[in-house]
C-alpha atoms as a PDB file:
ATOM      1  CA  ILE A   1       0.067  -0.076   0.171  1.00  0.00           C
ATOM      2  CA  MET A   2       1.468   3.266  -0.897  1.00  0.00           C
ATOM      3  CA  SER A   3       2.290   5.505   1.958  1.00  0.00           C
ATOM      4  CA  ILE A   4       3.036   9.325   2.567  1.00  0.00           C
ATOM      5  CA  THR A   5       6.578   9.447   4.521  1.00  0.00           C
ATOM      6  CA  HIS A   6       6.984  13.304   3.803  1.00  0.00           C
ATOM      7  CA  MET A   7       5.145  16.344   2.568  1.00  0.00           C
ATOM      8  CA  PHE A   8       7.372  19.231   1.767  1.00  0.00           C
ATOM      9  CA  VAL A   9       6.035  22.921   1.731  1.00  0.00           C
ATOM     10  CA  VAL A  10       7.873  25.658   0.019  1.00  0.00           C
ATOM     11  CA  PHE A  11       7.000  29.041   1.240  1.00  0.00           C
ATOM     12  CA  GLY A  12       7.772  32.745   1.217  1.00  0.00           C
ATOM     13  CA  ARG A  13       6.469  36.004   0.674  1.00  0.00           C
ATOM     14  CA  PRO A  14       4.603  36.679  -2.625  1.00  0.00           C
ATOM     15  CA  GLY A  15       7.320  37.085  -5.602  1.00  0.00           C
ATOM     16  CA  ALA A  16       9.629  35.156  -3.643  1.00  0.00           C
ATOM     17  CA  GLY A  17      10.081  32.782  -6.634  1.00  0.00           C
ATOM     18  CA  LYS A  18       8.314  29.753  -4.661  1.00  0.00           C
ATOM     19  CA  SER A  19       6.632  28.461  -7.817  1.00  0.00           C
ATOM     20  CA  THR A  20       9.642  29.032 -10.064  1.00  0.00           C
ATOM     21  CA  VAL A  21      11.965  27.190  -7.603  1.00  0.00           C
ATOM     22  CA  SER A  22       9.865  24.485  -6.656  1.00  0.00           C
ATOM     23  CA  GLN A  23       8.974  23.586 -10.356  1.00  0.00           C
ATOM     24  CA  ALA A  24      12.980  23.508 -11.017  1.00  0.00           C
ATOM     25  CA  ALA A  25      13.426  21.200  -8.094  1.00  0.00           C
ATOM     26  CA  VAL A  26      10.611  18.877  -9.232  1.00  0.00           C
ATOM     27  CA  ARG A  27      12.221  18.522 -12.518  1.00  0.00           C
ATOM     28  CA  LEU A  28      15.111  17.602 -10.802  1.00  0.00           C
ATOM     29  CA  LEU A  29      13.808  14.979  -8.594  1.00  0.00           C
ATOM     30  CA  GLY A  30      12.794  12.489 -11.449  1.00  0.00           C
ATOM     31  CA  ASP A  31      11.116  11.859 -14.756  1.00  0.00           C
ATOM     32  CA  GLY A  32       8.100  14.745 -14.754  1.00  0.00           C
ATOM     33  CA  ASP A  33       7.148  17.982 -13.922  1.00  0.00           C
ATOM     34  CA  GLY A  34       4.846  16.742 -10.736  1.00  0.00           C
ATOM     35  CA  SER A  35       1.616  17.543 -12.569  1.00  0.00           C
ATOM     36  CA  LYS A  36       1.156  13.860 -12.670  1.00  0.00           C
ATOM     37  CA  VAL A  37       2.502  11.107 -10.495  1.00  0.00           C
ATOM     38  CA  CYS A  38       6.084  11.081 -11.442  1.00  0.00           C
ATOM     39  CA  THR A  39       8.726   8.488 -10.281  1.00  0.00           C
ATOM     40  CA  GLY A  40      11.930   9.735  -8.351  1.00  0.00           C
ATOM     41  CA  LYS A  41      15.122   7.880  -7.659  1.00  0.00           C
ATOM     42  CA  LEU A  42      17.199   8.200  -4.150  1.00  0.00           C
ATOM     43  CA  SER A  43      20.854   8.502  -4.151  1.00  0.00           C
ATOM     44  CA  ASN A  44      20.710   4.655  -2.708  1.00  0.00           C
ATOM     45  CA  GLY A  45      18.488   3.737  -5.797  1.00  0.00           C
ATOM     46  CA  ASP A  46      15.401   3.288  -4.204  1.00  0.00           C
ATOM     47  CA  GLU A  47      12.520   4.760  -5.822  1.00  0.00           C
ATOM     48  CA  PHE A  48       9.430   6.859  -4.731  1.00  0.00           C
ATOM     49  CA  LEU A  49       6.624   8.715  -6.226  1.00  0.00           C
ATOM     50  CA  TYR A  50       5.914  12.438  -6.225  1.00  0.00           C
ATOM     51  CA  ILE A  51       3.426  15.033  -7.136  1.00  0.00           C
ATOM     52  CA  TYR A  52       3.559  18.682  -7.103  1.00  0.00           C
ATOM     53  CA  LEU A  53       0.672  21.054  -6.159  1.00  0.00           C
ATOM     54  CA  ASP A  54       0.907  25.091  -6.521  1.00  0.00           C
ATOM     55  CA  LEU A  55      -1.753  26.137  -4.275  1.00  0.00           C
ATOM     56  CA  ASP A  56      -1.854  29.663  -6.092  1.00  0.00           C
ATOM     57  CA  VAL A  57      -3.845  27.699  -8.832  1.00  0.00           C
ATOM     58  CA  TYR A  58      -6.473  27.057  -6.225  1.00  0.00           C
ATOM     59  CA  VAL A  59      -6.876  30.871  -5.051  1.00  0.00           C
ATOM     60  CA  PRO A  60     -10.624  31.890  -5.894  1.00  0.00           C
ATOM     61  CA  GLN A  61     -10.814  34.644  -8.854  1.00  0.00           C
ATOM     62  CA  TRP A  62     -12.936  36.714  -6.484  1.00  0.00           C
ATOM     63  CA  MET A  63      -9.747  36.741  -4.259  1.00  0.00           C
ATOM     64  CA  LYS A  64      -7.666  37.423  -6.817  1.00  0.00           C
ATOM     65  CA  ASP A  65      -9.508  40.245  -8.177  1.00  0.00           C
ATOM     66  CA  ASN A  66      -9.385  41.814  -4.399  1.00  0.00           C
ATOM     67  CA  PHE A  67      -5.752  41.228  -4.163  1.00  0.00           C
ATOM     68  CA  ALA A  68      -5.479  43.530  -7.620  1.00  0.00           C
ATOM     69  CA  LYS A  69      -7.230  46.219  -5.954  1.00  0.00           C
ATOM     70  CA  GLY A  70      -5.438  46.002  -2.665  1.00  0.00           C
ATOM     71  CA  ILE A  71      -8.103  44.238  -0.919  1.00  0.00           C
ATOM     72  CA  TYR A  72      -7.132  41.340   1.611  1.00  0.00           C
ATOM     73  CA  PRO A  73      -9.021  38.233   2.809  1.00  0.00           C
ATOM     74  CA  THR A  74     -10.148  38.687   6.191  1.00  0.00           C
ATOM     75  CA  LEU A  75      -9.530  36.229   9.050  1.00  0.00           C
ATOM     76  CA  ALA A  76     -12.830  34.430   8.075  1.00  0.00           C
ATOM     77  CA  GLU A  77     -12.126  34.096   4.649  1.00  0.00           C
ATOM     78  CA  ARG A  78      -8.397  33.008   5.152  1.00  0.00           C
ATOM     79  CA  PHE A  79      -9.876  30.098   7.163  1.00  0.00           C
ATOM     80  CA  ASP A  80     -12.287  29.118   4.573  1.00  0.00           C
ATOM     81  CA  PHE A  81      -9.669  29.171   1.930  1.00  0.00           C
ATOM     82  CA  ILE A  82      -7.065  27.140   3.645  1.00  0.00           C
ATOM     83  CA  SER A  83      -9.464  24.609   4.767  1.00  0.00           C
ATOM     84  CA  ASN A  84     -10.683  23.932   1.255  1.00  0.00           C
ATOM     85  CA  ALA A  85      -6.990  23.858   0.047  1.00  0.00           C
ATOM     86  CA  CYS A  86      -6.380  21.300   2.487  1.00  0.00           C
ATOM     87  CA  ASP A  87      -9.385  19.280   1.471  1.00  0.00           C
ATOM     88  CA  TYR A  88      -7.985  19.952  -2.204  1.00  0.00           C
ATOM     89  CA  VAL A  89      -4.745  18.467  -1.517  1.00  0.00           C
ATOM     90  CA  SER A  90      -6.131  15.647   0.750  1.00  0.00           C
ATOM     91  CA  ASP A  91      -8.471  14.635  -2.092  1.00  0.00           C
ATOM     92  CA  LYS A  92      -5.300  14.824  -4.632  1.00  0.00           C
ATOM     93  CA  ILE A  93      -3.193  12.437  -2.138  1.00  0.00           C
ATOM     94  CA  ASN A  94      -6.341  10.116  -1.819  1.00  0.00           C
ATOM     95  CA  SER A  95      -6.699  10.150  -5.757  1.00  0.00           C
ATOM     96  CA  VAL A  96      -3.260   9.113  -6.090  1.00  0.00           C
ATOM     97  CA  GLN A  97      -3.081   6.419  -3.477  1.00  0.00           C
ATOM     98  CA  ASN A  98      -6.561   5.089  -5.044  1.00  0.00           C
ATOM     99  CA  GLU A  99      -5.203   4.846  -8.423  1.00  0.00           C
ATOM    100  CA  ASN A 100      -1.979   3.083  -7.002  1.00  0.00           C
ATOM    101  CA  GLN A 101      -2.834   0.720  -4.708  1.00  0.00           C
ATOM    102  CA  SER A 102      -0.771  -2.049  -5.635  1.00  0.00           C
ATOM    103  CA  ASP A 103       2.444   0.212  -5.463  1.00  0.00           C
ATOM    104  CA  ASN A 104       4.391   0.144  -2.245  1.00  0.00           C
ATOM    105  CA  ARG A 105       6.721   2.976  -3.052  1.00  0.00           C
ATOM    106  CA  ALA A 106       6.276   6.346  -1.042  1.00  0.00           C
ATOM    107  CA  LEU A 107       4.380   9.290  -2.324  1.00  0.00           C
ATOM    108  CA  VAL A 108       5.821  12.522  -1.724  1.00  0.00           C
ATOM    109  CA  PRO A 109       3.646  15.643  -2.091  1.00  0.00           C
ATOM    110  CA  ILE A 110       5.209  18.799  -2.770  1.00  0.00           C
ATOM    111  CA  ILE A 111       3.444  21.892  -2.019  1.00  0.00           C
ATOM    112  CA  SER A 112       3.987  25.687  -2.784  1.00  0.00           C
ATOM    113  CA  PHE A 113       2.048  28.720  -1.373  1.00  0.00           C
ATOM    114  CA  SER A 114       2.868  31.892   0.370  1.00  0.00           C
ATOM    115  CA  PHE A 115       1.472  31.122   3.556  1.00  0.00           C
ATOM    116  CA  VAL A 116       1.906  34.577   4.488  1.00  0.00           C
ATOM    117  CA  ASN A 117      -0.335  34.455   7.931  1.00  0.00           C
ATOM    118  CA  THR A 118      -0.015  32.353  10.893  1.00  0.00           C
ATOM    119  CA  ASP A 119      -3.329  31.252  10.981  1.00  0.00           C
ATOM    120  CA  MET A 120      -3.133  29.829   7.496  1.00  0.00           C
ATOM    121  CA  ARG A 121       0.178  27.951   8.617  1.00  0.00           C
ATOM    122  CA  ILE A 122      -1.530  26.732  11.889  1.00  0.00           C
ATOM    123  CA  GLU A 123      -4.198  25.207  10.172  1.00  0.00           C
ATOM    124  CA  PHE A 124      -2.309  23.711   7.355  1.00  0.00           C
ATOM    125  CA  LYS A 125       0.008  22.059  10.023  1.00  0.00           C
ATOM    126  CA  LYS A 126      -2.854  20.738  11.926  1.00  0.00           C
ATOM    127  CA  ARG A 127      -3.896  18.839   8.639  1.00  0.00           C
ATOM    128  CA  PHE A 128      -0.770  17.761   7.745  1.00  0.00           C
ATOM    129  CA  PRO A 129       1.633  17.544  10.885  1.00  0.00           C
ATOM    130  CA  ASP A 130       4.376  15.786   9.146  1.00  0.00           C
ATOM    131  CA  SER A 131       4.981  18.504   6.622  1.00  0.00           C
ATOM    132  CA  GLU A 132       8.656  19.734   6.399  1.00  0.00           C
ATOM    133  CA  TRP A 133       8.700  23.533   5.808  1.00  0.00           C
ATOM    134  CA  ILE A 134      11.105  25.217   3.190  1.00  0.00           C
ATOM    135  CA  LEU A 135      11.402  29.058   3.333  1.00  0.00           C
ATOM    136  CA  ILE A 136      12.611  31.032   0.194  1.00  0.00           C
ATOM    137  CA  ASP A 137      13.840  33.983   2.205  1.00  0.00           C
ATOM    138  CA  THR A 138      13.558  37.099   0.078  1.00  0.00           C
ATOM    139  CA  SER A 139      13.449  40.693   1.053  1.00  0.00           C
ATOM    140  CA  LYS A 140      10.137  42.956   0.729  1.00  0.00           C
ATOM    141  CA  ASN A 141      12.080  44.976  -2.126  1.00  0.00           C
ATOM    142  CA  LEU A 142      13.189  42.148  -4.152  1.00  0.00           C
ATOM    143  CA  ALA A 143      10.004  40.456  -3.957  1.00  0.00           C
ATOM    144  CA  GLU A 144       8.003  43.616  -4.991  1.00  0.00           C
ATOM    145  CA  GLU A 145      10.093  44.036  -7.932  1.00  0.00           C
ATOM    146  CA  ARG A 146       9.849  40.577  -9.106  1.00  0.00           C
ATOM    147  CA  ILE A 147       6.011  41.069  -9.100  1.00  0.00           C
ATOM    148  CA  LEU A 148       6.002  44.218 -11.048  1.00  0.00           C
ATOM    149  CA  LEU A 149       7.927  41.889 -13.735  1.00  0.00           C
ATOM    150  CA  ARG A 150       5.404  39.208 -13.887  1.00  0.00           C
ATOM    151  CA  GLU A 151       2.301  40.442 -15.700  1.00  0.00           C
ATOM    152  CA  ASP A 152       0.360  37.392 -14.964  1.00  0.00           C
ATOM    153  CA  HIS A 153       0.645  37.419 -11.113  1.00  0.00           C
ATOM    154  CA  PHE A 154      -2.703  38.165  -9.411  1.00  0.00           C
ATOM    155  CA  TYR A 155      -0.925  39.804  -6.486  1.00  0.00           C
ATOM    156  CA  LYS A 156       0.117  43.716  -6.790  1.00  0.00           C
ATOM    157  CA  GLY A 157       0.189  44.606  -2.917  1.00  0.00           C
ATOM    158  CA  SER A 158       3.228  44.928  -0.372  1.00  0.00           C
ATOM    159  CA  GLY A 159       4.335  41.925   1.249  1.00  0.00           C
ATOM    160  CA  GLY A 160       6.711  43.490   3.906  1.00  0.00           C
ATOM    161  CA  LEU A 161       7.421  42.938   7.214  1.00  0.00           C
ATOM    162  CA  GLN A 162       9.104  45.319   9.265  1.00  0.00           C
ATOM    163  CA  ASN A 163      10.756  43.656  12.260  1.00  0.00           C
ATOM    164  CA  GLU A 164      12.339  45.336  15.260  1.00  0.00           C
ATOM    165  CA  LYS A 165      15.593  46.590  13.751  1.00  0.00           C
ATOM    166  CA  GLY A 166      13.489  48.300  11.165  1.00  0.00           C
ATOM    167  CA  ASP A 167      14.509  46.569   8.256  1.00  0.00           C
ATOM    168  CA  ASP A 168      12.273  44.349   5.883  1.00  0.00           C
ATOM    169  CA  SER A 169      14.287  40.897   6.114  1.00  0.00           C
ATOM    170  CA  THR A 170      12.106  37.704   7.145  1.00  0.00           C
ATOM    171  CA  THR A 171      12.482  36.696  10.804  1.00  0.00           C
ATOM    172  CA  THR A 172      14.259  33.518  10.914  1.00  0.00           C
ATOM    173  CA  LYS A 173      14.280  32.959  14.932  1.00  0.00           C
ATOM    174  CA  VAL A 174      12.803  29.550  15.428  1.00  0.00           C
ATOM    175  CA  VAL A 175      10.374  29.433  18.751  1.00  0.00           C
ATOM    176  CA  GLN A 176       7.708  27.081  19.692  1.00  0.00           C
ATOM    177  CA  SER A 177       4.476  27.600  17.840  1.00  0.00           C
ATOM    178  CA  SER A 178       1.245  28.818  19.450  1.00  0.00           C
ATOM    179  CA  ASP A 179      -1.952  26.901  18.465  1.00  0.00           C
ATOM    180  CA  THR A 180      -4.041  30.410  18.461  1.00  0.00           C
ATOM    181  CA  THR A 181      -3.423  33.833  16.861  1.00  0.00           C
ATOM    182  CA  GLY A 182      -5.326  36.894  17.277  1.00  0.00           C
ATOM    183  CA  GLU A 183      -3.491  38.774  14.357  1.00  0.00           C
ATOM    184  CA  ASP A 184      -5.568  39.768  11.714  1.00  0.00           C
ATOM    185  CA  ASN A 185      -3.156  41.092   9.466  1.00  0.00           C
ATOM    186  CA  SER A 186      -5.077  42.752   7.123  1.00  0.00           C
ATOM    187  CA  GLN A 187      -2.581  44.118   5.104  1.00  0.00           C
ATOM    188  CA  TRP A 188      -1.227  40.695   4.377  1.00  0.00           C
ATOM    189  CA  ASN A 189       2.080  41.156   5.439  1.00  0.00           C
ATOM    190  CA  PHE A 190       4.685  38.301   5.806  1.00  0.00           C
ATOM    191  CA  GLN A 191       4.335  36.962   9.328  1.00  0.00           C
ATOM    192  CA  PRO A 192       7.304  35.589  11.505  1.00  0.00           C
ATOM    193  CA  VAL A 193       7.981  31.764  11.298  1.00  0.00           C
ATOM    194  CA  ASP A 194       7.907  30.205  14.698  1.00  0.00           C
ATOM    195  CA  TYR A 195       8.316  26.628  13.828  1.00  0.00           C
ATOM    196  CA  PRO A 196      11.232  24.787  12.664  1.00  0.00           C
ATOM    197  CA  HIS A 197      11.921  25.013   8.968  1.00  0.00           C
ATOM    198  CA  VAL A 198      14.757  25.157   6.314  1.00  0.00           C
ATOM    199  CA  ILE A 199      15.755  28.514   4.997  1.00  0.00           C
ATOM    200  CA  LEU A 200      16.967  29.149   1.427  1.00  0.00           C
ATOM    201  CA  ASP A 201      18.525  32.450   0.293  1.00  0.00           C
ATOM    202  CA  GLY A 202      15.961  34.039  -2.068  1.00  0.00           C
ATOM    203  CA  ASN A 203      18.694  36.019  -3.871  1.00  0.00           C
ATOM    204  CA  ASP A 204      20.496  32.655  -5.071  1.00  0.00           C
ATOM    205  CA  GLU A 205      19.862  31.158  -8.463  1.00  0.00           C
ATOM    206  CA  VAL A 206      16.962  29.248  -9.048  1.00  0.00           C
ATOM    207  CA  ALA A 207      18.871  26.163  -9.941  1.00  0.00           C
ATOM    208  CA  THR A 208      20.840  26.699  -6.895  1.00  0.00           C
ATOM    209  CA  ASN A 209      17.767  26.890  -4.373  1.00  0.00           C
ATOM    210  CA  ALA A 210      16.041  23.927  -6.776  1.00  0.00           C
ATOM    211  CA  LYS A 211      18.965  21.763  -6.110  1.00  0.00           C
ATOM    212  CA  LYS A 212      19.041  22.736  -2.083  1.00  0.00           C
ATOM    213  CA  ILE A 213      15.313  21.569  -2.236  1.00  0.00           C
ATOM    214  CA  VAL A 214      16.080  18.031  -3.773  1.00  0.00           C
ATOM    215  CA  ASP A 215      18.783  17.600  -1.224  1.00  0.00           C
ATOM    216  CA  VAL A 216      16.452  18.208   1.574  1.00  0.00           C
ATOM    217  CA  ILE A 217      13.895  16.215   0.186  1.00  0.00           C
ATOM    218  CA  GLN A 218      16.557  13.119  -0.601  1.00  0.00           C
ATOM    219  CA  ASN A 219      18.168  13.477   2.779  1.00  0.00           C
ATOM    220  CA  HIS A 220      14.554  13.130   4.643  1.00  0.00           C
ATOM    221  CA  LEU A 221      13.683  10.236   2.581  1.00  0.00           C
ATOM    222  CA  LEU A 222      17.061   8.280   3.149  1.00  0.00           C
ATOM    223  CA  THR A 223      16.814   8.937   7.000  1.00  0.00           C
END
């Protein structure tokens, strides 16, 4: 029976390059782009199966239209979205498992999404507690420059976080996660990450970070 050994979540502020880097990593993993079930091979020769899901694709049109106007989803709207997105991920995984019942290779889902808000991270981690998180750490200014160059990107607002030092770098301190948050974050700023995660430099080349993601996945699957 096909099992889920690890799920990998690539996240970061809008414009960090999550989808681009994830897609490059997925192509390095094995025999496909992850849009269908693909076969990857570990350094020890063992095979695994993987799929890639970009949750930006699941953002409803009304939310995209609001983003373009600088209108950000409320706490309740975010909860509805991430709950439905989790159902979407679960349905995809279940579908693959049902179609490959006789396959005993591990299935590795790879997810990319901004996960700007703490509340959405908490809900996703509740649903998928064994997920491993990989942050593409990019400054606010660089992220917004990239967004402006992408005509098809639905998000046009600020994704910055002002920390105690007054700069806009992403907080990388790891502390214990809380199960609740009262932060509405109505301006859609990228919130500090308060649980263990891998940090990649968003200034690095796509190929460099893609290779690092592949290394993270390989190392986890080999342990």
